[in-house]
Amino acid sequence: MNKLEVQNISKRFQDKLVLDNISFTVEEGEIFGLIGPNGAGKSTLINTIIGLLTANSGTISIDGKTIADNSVEFKKKIGLVPQDLALVEDLTAHDNLEYFGAYYGLFGKKLKERMEEAIEMSGLKGREKEKVKKFSGGLKRRLNVAVAMMHHPEIIIMDEPTVGVDAQSRNYIFDYIRKINKEENTTVIYTSHYMEEVEQLCSRLFIIDNGKKVSYGTKSEVKSLVNDTVTITVKAKDFPASFVGTVKMISGVSDVEVKNHEEILLFADASFQLNELINICQENQVSLIGIHIDEPTLEEVFLSLTGKRLRD
């Protein structure tokens, strides 16, 4: 089990309140997004979760056991991919893995197996004897992720793991996140300034700004705080005259706009069911060309909730 609970965490630096009564739960085996603009409190929150900082109030626990009471065991369950590269650039990739693996208490056969696994995962096979300082930014990022996973943590926190990487390395990292999440049930806490990554990877998210909770829930729940209306574009070869009136009767549809005889727009809320629309099209012998559902992106939602762009 690896359910993480953050309960009423507050943190002050002298007279400045950096985290203000933060609470959320990360369920076992999910990919959870932690997002906010620069200076929002994310780094302080992460450092508090992993035990580098102590909260002024509140508790952090994994399956009911708090970090205060089980510091060593708690930390064994967590891995961190830091935003700043945690690598020794004058060493080879092989030596970096060996060096950090020893810190995790890995030795002998197990260390060798984990090193081979990390080299394979990071796509560095054949380059493991090269010094890290010769690697591209993307290869360094891949190795950074591999190092953090050497001890097979139950929960991995990935803080901006794709900053400055090429598309190939980003795909490597994405594929690896999905692999460990699906095959090993690893819980992933993911932070990024690229909202499209969060939208692609995460099932639920917590938005923080100025040390306070802005929003928390599934992507649909967060989006509904801004606008729960979606626009559905329906294209067909032709619509019968009575079709618009029939479509207006679908549950959740608030309005229908006729663009032309081959395209109509439906405006609907979260109760709208696509299968109802498809059934009505079939009953009215409408030859569909395509259906497109347009809802707010997370980037738009974030801007609306915080008044800031994520990269601010």
Protein backbone atom coordinates (compact mmCIF):
# COMPACT_ATOMS: atom_id res chain seq x y z
CA MET A 1 0.00 0.00 0.00
CA ASN A 2 1.25 3.51 -0.74
CA LYS A 3 -1.56 6.00 -0.13
CA LEU A 4 -0.10 9.42 0.67
CA GLU A 5 -2.09 11.83 2.84
CA VAL A 6 -1.15 15.48 3.32
CA GLN A 7 -3.27 16.93 6.12
CA ASN A 8 -3.47 20.60 7.09
CA ILE A 9 0.18 21.36 6.33
CA SER A 10 1.37 24.89 7.09
CA LYS A 11 4.93 26.16 6.83
CA ARG A 12 6.42 29.51 7.77
CA PHE A 13 9.79 31.04 7.03
CA GLN A 14 10.10 33.70 9.72
CA ASP A 15 7.01 35.89 9.24
CA LYS A 16 6.12 34.59 5.78
CA LEU A 17 3.44 31.90 5.46
CA VAL A 18 4.60 29.75 2.53
CA LEU A 19 2.11 26.87 2.88
CA ASP A 20 -1.33 27.63 4.26
CA ASN A 21 -3.29 24.63 5.56
CA ILE A 22 -2.65 22.37 2.55
CA SER A 23 -4.53 19.05 2.39
CA PHE A 24 -4.86 16.40 -0.31
CA THR A 25 -4.65 12.64 -0.79
CA VAL A 26 -2.70 10.77 -3.46
CA GLU A 27 -4.23 7.35 -3.98
CA GLU A 28 -2.18 4.22 -4.48
CA GLY A 29 -1.18 3.64 -8.09
CA GLU A 30 -2.32 6.97 -9.57
CA ILE A 31 -0.47 9.65 -11.50
CA PHE A 32 -1.21 12.83 -9.60
CA GLY A 33 -0.50 16.35 -10.87
CA LEU A 34 0.87 19.02 -8.51
CA ILE A 35 0.88 22.33 -10.36
CA GLY A 36 1.31 26.02 -9.72
CA PRO A 37 3.25 29.04 -10.99
CA ASN A 38 6.77 29.85 -9.84
CA GLY A 39 6.78 30.85 -6.18
CA ALA A 40 3.48 29.11 -5.47
CA GLY A 41 4.96 26.86 -2.76
CA LYS A 42 5.44 23.63 -4.74
CA SER A 43 9.12 23.18 -3.88
CA THR A 44 8.47 23.82 -0.19
CA LEU A 45 5.63 21.33 -0.25
CA ILE A 46 7.74 18.68 -1.97
CA ASN A 47 10.63 19.20 0.45
CA THR A 48 8.18 18.84 3.34
CA ILE A 49 6.76 15.62 1.91
CA ILE A 50 10.21 14.02 1.54
CA GLY A 51 11.34 15.17 4.97
CA LEU A 52 13.89 17.85 4.07
CA LEU A 53 11.69 20.47 5.76
CA THR A 54 9.51 20.17 8.84
CA ALA A 55 6.02 21.63 8.77
CA ASN A 56 4.95 24.05 11.47
CA SER A 57 1.65 22.21 11.68
CA GLY A 58 -0.17 19.31 10.05
CA THR A 59 0.85 15.75 9.20
CA ILE A 60 2.09 13.77 6.21
CA SER A 61 1.53 10.04 6.22
CA ILE A 62 1.78 6.95 4.05
CA ASP A 63 -0.90 4.42 4.91
CA GLY A 64 -1.46 6.05 8.26
CA LYS A 65 2.19 6.14 9.32
CA THR A 66 3.57 9.65 9.65
CA ILE A 67 7.01 10.82 8.65
CA ALA A 68 7.54 12.11 12.20
CA ASP A 69 7.17 8.63 13.68
CA ASN A 70 8.71 6.56 10.87
CA SER A 71 11.30 8.79 9.20
CA VAL A 72 13.63 6.11 7.81
CA GLU A 73 10.90 3.76 6.59
CA PHE A 74 8.95 6.70 5.19
CA LYS A 75 11.89 7.90 3.14
CA LYS A 76 12.55 4.39 1.76
CA LYS A 77 9.12 4.45 0.17
CA ILE A 78 9.73 7.72 -1.70
CA GLY A 79 11.92 8.63 -4.66
CA LEU A 80 12.58 12.12 -5.99
CA VAL A 81 13.48 13.29 -9.47
CA PRO A 82 14.65 16.82 -8.65
CA GLN A 83 14.24 19.77 -10.98
CA ASP A 84 17.97 20.46 -10.76
CA LEU A 85 20.00 17.52 -12.05
CA ALA A 86 21.32 15.31 -9.24
CA LEU A 87 24.24 13.78 -11.13
CA VAL A 88 28.04 13.81 -10.85
CA GLU A 89 28.97 15.05 -14.31
CA ASP A 90 32.64 14.02 -14.15
CA LEU A 91 31.57 10.40 -13.63
CA THR A 92 30.21 8.03 -16.27
CA ALA A 93 26.54 7.04 -16.34
CA HIS A 94 27.59 3.61 -15.04
CA ASP A 95 29.50 5.13 -12.12
CA ASN A 96 26.65 7.51 -11.28
CA LEU A 97 24.24 4.60 -11.01
CA GLU A 98 26.70 2.62 -8.90
CA TYR A 99 27.39 5.64 -6.68
CA PHE A 100 23.74 6.53 -6.02
CA GLY A 101 22.69 2.88 -5.82
CA ALA A 102 25.07 2.40 -2.88
CA TYR A 103 23.39 5.32 -1.12
CA TYR A 104 20.10 3.44 -1.46
CA GLY A 105 21.69 0.40 0.21
CA LEU A 106 22.07 -1.62 -2.98
CA PHE A 107 25.07 -3.91 -3.28
CA GLY A 108 26.31 -6.94 -5.20
CA LYS A 109 23.93 -8.75 -7.52
CA LYS A 110 20.93 -6.54 -6.73
CA LEU A 111 22.91 -3.37 -7.49
CA LYS A 112 24.11 -4.82 -10.79
CA GLU A 113 20.56 -5.82 -11.78
CA ARG A 114 19.17 -2.39 -10.94
CA MET A 115 21.97 -0.67 -12.87
CA GLU A 116 21.30 -2.76 -15.96
CA GLU A 117 17.59 -2.02 -15.64
CA ALA A 118 18.27 1.73 -15.32
CA ILE A 119 20.58 1.79 -18.34
CA GLU A 120 17.98 -0.02 -20.42
CA MET A 121 15.17 2.25 -19.23
CA SER A 122 17.07 5.45 -19.95
CA GLY A 123 18.08 4.33 -23.45
CA LEU A 124 21.79 4.62 -22.58
CA LYS A 125 22.82 1.13 -23.62
CA GLY A 126 26.24 1.42 -25.25
CA ARG A 127 26.88 4.85 -23.73
CA GLU A 128 27.02 3.93 -20.07
CA LYS A 129 30.82 4.31 -19.99
CA GLU A 130 30.70 7.91 -21.26
CA LYS A 131 31.02 10.80 -18.84
CA VAL A 132 27.75 12.51 -18.07
CA LYS A 133 29.13 15.95 -18.94
CA LYS A 134 29.25 14.84 -22.59
CA PHE A 135 25.54 13.99 -22.63
CA SER A 136 22.81 16.18 -24.10
CA GLY A 137 20.29 17.74 -21.74
CA GLY A 138 17.77 15.07 -22.70
CA LEU A 139 20.10 12.17 -21.87
CA LYS A 140 20.96 13.76 -18.54
CA ARG A 141 17.27 14.04 -17.71
CA ARG A 142 16.71 10.38 -18.57
CA LEU A 143 19.60 9.35 -16.34
CA ASN A 144 18.28 11.62 -13.58
CA VAL A 145 14.99 9.70 -13.64
CA ALA A 146 16.77 6.35 -13.72
CA VAL A 147 18.89 7.24 -10.67
CA ALA A 148 15.78 8.19 -8.67
CA MET A 149 14.15 4.83 -9.44
CA MET A 150 17.12 2.64 -8.45
CA HIS A 151 15.55 1.57 -5.13
CA HIS A 152 12.11 0.93 -6.67
CA PRO A 153 10.21 3.46 -4.52
CA GLU A 154 6.50 3.00 -3.96
CA ILE A 155 5.96 6.73 -4.56
CA ILE A 156 8.05 8.77 -7.00
CA ILE A 157 7.92 12.56 -7.07
CA MET A 158 8.94 13.98 -10.44
CA ASP A 159 9.68 17.69 -10.26
CA GLU A 160 9.84 19.14 -13.77
CA PRO A 161 11.47 16.00 -15.27
CA THR A 162 11.22 17.20 -18.89
CA VAL A 163 12.64 20.72 -18.58
CA GLY A 164 14.75 21.48 -21.65
CA VAL A 165 14.58 18.00 -23.15
CA ASP A 166 14.11 16.94 -26.76
CA ALA A 167 10.95 15.21 -27.97
CA GLN A 168 12.59 11.78 -27.98
CA SER A 169 13.70 12.07 -24.35
CA ARG A 170 10.29 13.40 -23.33
CA ASN A 171 8.67 10.35 -24.89
CA TYR A 172 11.16 8.07 -23.12
CA ILE A 173 10.23 9.65 -19.80
CA PHE A 174 6.48 9.50 -20.50
CA ASP A 175 6.69 5.84 -21.55
CA TYR A 176 8.66 5.01 -18.42
CA ILE A 177 6.16 6.80 -16.16
CA ARG A 178 3.30 4.83 -17.67
CA LYS A 179 5.28 1.58 -17.47
CA ILE A 180 6.14 1.80 -13.77
CA ASN A 181 2.67 3.04 -12.96
CA LYS A 182 0.93 0.20 -14.81
CA GLU A 183 3.30 -2.71 -14.26
CA GLU A 184 4.63 -1.92 -10.78
CA ASN A 185 1.70 0.12 -9.44
CA THR A 186 4.12 2.95 -8.62
CA THR A 187 2.37 6.10 -7.44
CA VAL A 188 3.60 9.16 -9.33
CA ILE A 189 3.39 12.79 -8.20
CA TYR A 190 4.15 14.88 -11.27
CA THR A 191 4.92 18.59 -11.48
CA SER A 192 5.39 20.45 -14.73
CA HIS A 193 5.21 23.90 -16.30
CA TYR A 194 3.84 22.21 -19.43
CA MET A 195 0.13 21.85 -18.79
CA GLU A 196 -0.32 19.59 -21.80
CA GLU A 197 1.89 17.03 -20.02
CA VAL A 198 -0.32 17.15 -16.93
CA GLU A 199 -3.42 16.83 -19.10
CA GLN A 200 -1.91 13.82 -20.88
CA LEU A 201 -0.55 11.95 -17.85
CA CYS A 202 -2.51 12.79 -14.72
CA SER A 203 -5.93 11.61 -13.56
CA ARG A 204 -6.28 14.08 -10.67
CA LEU A 205 -4.50 17.27 -9.72
CA PHE A 206 -3.91 19.84 -7.01
CA ILE A 207 -3.43 23.48 -8.02
CA ILE A 208 -1.52 25.66 -5.57
CA ASP A 209 -0.86 29.39 -5.69
CA ASN A 210 0.50 31.74 -3.01
CA GLY A 211 0.77 28.74 -0.70
CA LYS A 212 -2.96 28.03 -0.82
CA LYS A 213 -5.18 25.48 -2.49
CA VAL A 214 -6.77 26.83 -5.66
CA SER A 215 -8.40 23.62 -6.85
CA TYR A 216 -8.24 19.87 -6.21
CA GLY A 217 -9.91 16.94 -7.97
CA THR A 218 -10.20 15.14 -11.27
CA LYS A 219 -9.49 17.07 -14.47
CA SER A 220 -13.22 17.25 -15.17
CA GLU A 221 -13.97 18.53 -11.66
CA VAL A 222 -11.30 21.22 -11.92
CA LYS A 223 -12.50 22.30 -15.35
CA SER A 224 -16.10 22.50 -14.14
CA LEU A 225 -15.10 25.27 -11.70
CA VAL A 226 -14.50 27.56 -14.65
CA ASN A 227 -17.09 26.51 -17.17
CA ASP A 228 -19.15 23.33 -17.19
CA THR A 229 -20.39 23.93 -20.75
CA VAL A 230 -18.88 21.99 -23.62
CA THR A 231 -19.34 22.66 -27.32
CA ILE A 232 -20.07 19.67 -29.56
CA THR A 233 -19.59 20.14 -33.29
CA VAL A 234 -21.63 17.67 -35.36
CA LYS A 235 -20.89 17.28 -39.06
CA ALA A 236 -23.02 15.22 -41.44
CA LYS A 237 -23.83 14.94 -45.13
CA ASP A 238 -27.17 16.61 -44.47
CA PHE A 239 -29.55 17.21 -41.57
CA PRO A 240 -33.33 16.72 -41.89
CA ALA A 241 -35.44 19.79 -41.09
CA SER A 242 -36.75 18.32 -37.83
CA PHE A 243 -33.33 17.26 -36.54
CA VAL A 244 -32.45 20.42 -34.59
CA GLY A 245 -35.65 20.25 -32.57
CA THR A 246 -34.99 16.60 -31.77
CA VAL A 247 -31.42 17.27 -30.65
CA LYS A 248 -32.59 20.03 -28.30
CA MET A 249 -34.46 17.35 -26.36
CA ILE A 250 -31.24 15.50 -25.43
CA SER A 251 -30.52 15.64 -21.71
CA GLY A 252 -27.89 18.29 -20.92
CA VAL A 253 -28.21 20.20 -24.20
CA SER A 254 -28.88 23.90 -23.48
CA ASP A 255 -28.77 25.30 -27.02
CA VAL A 256 -28.24 24.34 -30.66
CA GLU A 257 -26.75 26.57 -33.34
CA VAL A 258 -27.08 25.75 -37.05
CA LYS A 259 -23.90 26.61 -38.93
CA ASN A 260 -25.10 25.27 -42.30
CA HIS A 261 -26.93 22.24 -43.65
CA GLU A 262 -23.89 20.07 -42.88
CA GLU A 263 -22.79 21.40 -39.48
CA ILE A 264 -24.48 22.20 -36.17
CA LEU A 265 -23.15 23.19 -32.74
CA LEU A 266 -24.53 21.79 -29.49
CA PHE A 267 -23.92 23.49 -26.13
CA ALA A 268 -24.23 21.06 -23.25
CA ASP A 269 -23.34 20.51 -19.60
CA ALA A 270 -21.65 17.57 -17.87
CA SER A 271 -24.84 15.45 -17.94
CA PHE A 272 -24.68 15.21 -21.75
CA GLN A 273 -24.22 11.65 -23.02
CA LEU A 274 -22.65 11.20 -26.45
CA ASN A 275 -24.41 7.89 -27.03
CA GLU A 276 -27.78 9.68 -26.91
CA LEU A 277 -26.69 11.93 -29.77
CA ILE A 278 -25.39 8.98 -31.80
CA ASN A 279 -28.65 7.04 -31.25
CA ILE A 280 -30.73 9.99 -32.44
CA CYS A 281 -28.54 10.35 -35.53
CA GLN A 282 -29.10 6.68 -36.34
CA GLU A 283 -32.86 6.92 -35.73
CA ASN A 284 -33.06 9.93 -38.07
CA GLN A 285 -30.79 8.28 -40.67
CA VAL A 286 -28.23 11.04 -40.40
CA SER A 287 -24.93 10.08 -42.07
CA LEU A 288 -22.35 11.37 -39.62
CA ILE A 289 -19.03 12.69 -40.90
CA GLY A 290 -17.61 13.56 -37.49
CA ILE A 291 -18.24 14.70 -33.90
CA HIS A 292 -15.83 16.98 -32.05
CA ILE A 293 -16.15 17.86 -28.35
CA ASP A 294 -14.41 21.07 -27.34
CA GLU A 295 -13.90 21.77 -23.63
CA PRO A 296 -11.55 24.18 -21.81
CA THR A 297 -7.91 23.11 -21.69
CA LEU A 298 -6.18 22.87 -18.31
CA GLU A 299 -4.01 25.79 -19.37
CA GLU A 300 -7.12 27.95 -19.87
CA VAL A 301 -8.59 26.73 -16.59
CA PHE A 302 -5.36 27.49 -14.72
CA LEU A 303 -5.23 31.00 -16.13
CA SER A 304 -8.85 31.60 -15.16
CA LEU A 305 -8.41 30.31 -11.60
CA THR A 306 -5.09 31.99 -10.79
CA GLY A 307 -4.92 34.91 -13.19
CA LYS A 308 -1.47 33.67 -14.16
CA ARG A 309 0.04 31.52 -16.83
CA LEU A 310 1.74 28.40 -15.53
CA ARG A 311 5.16 29.54 -16.68
CA ASP A 312 4.89 32.89 -14.84
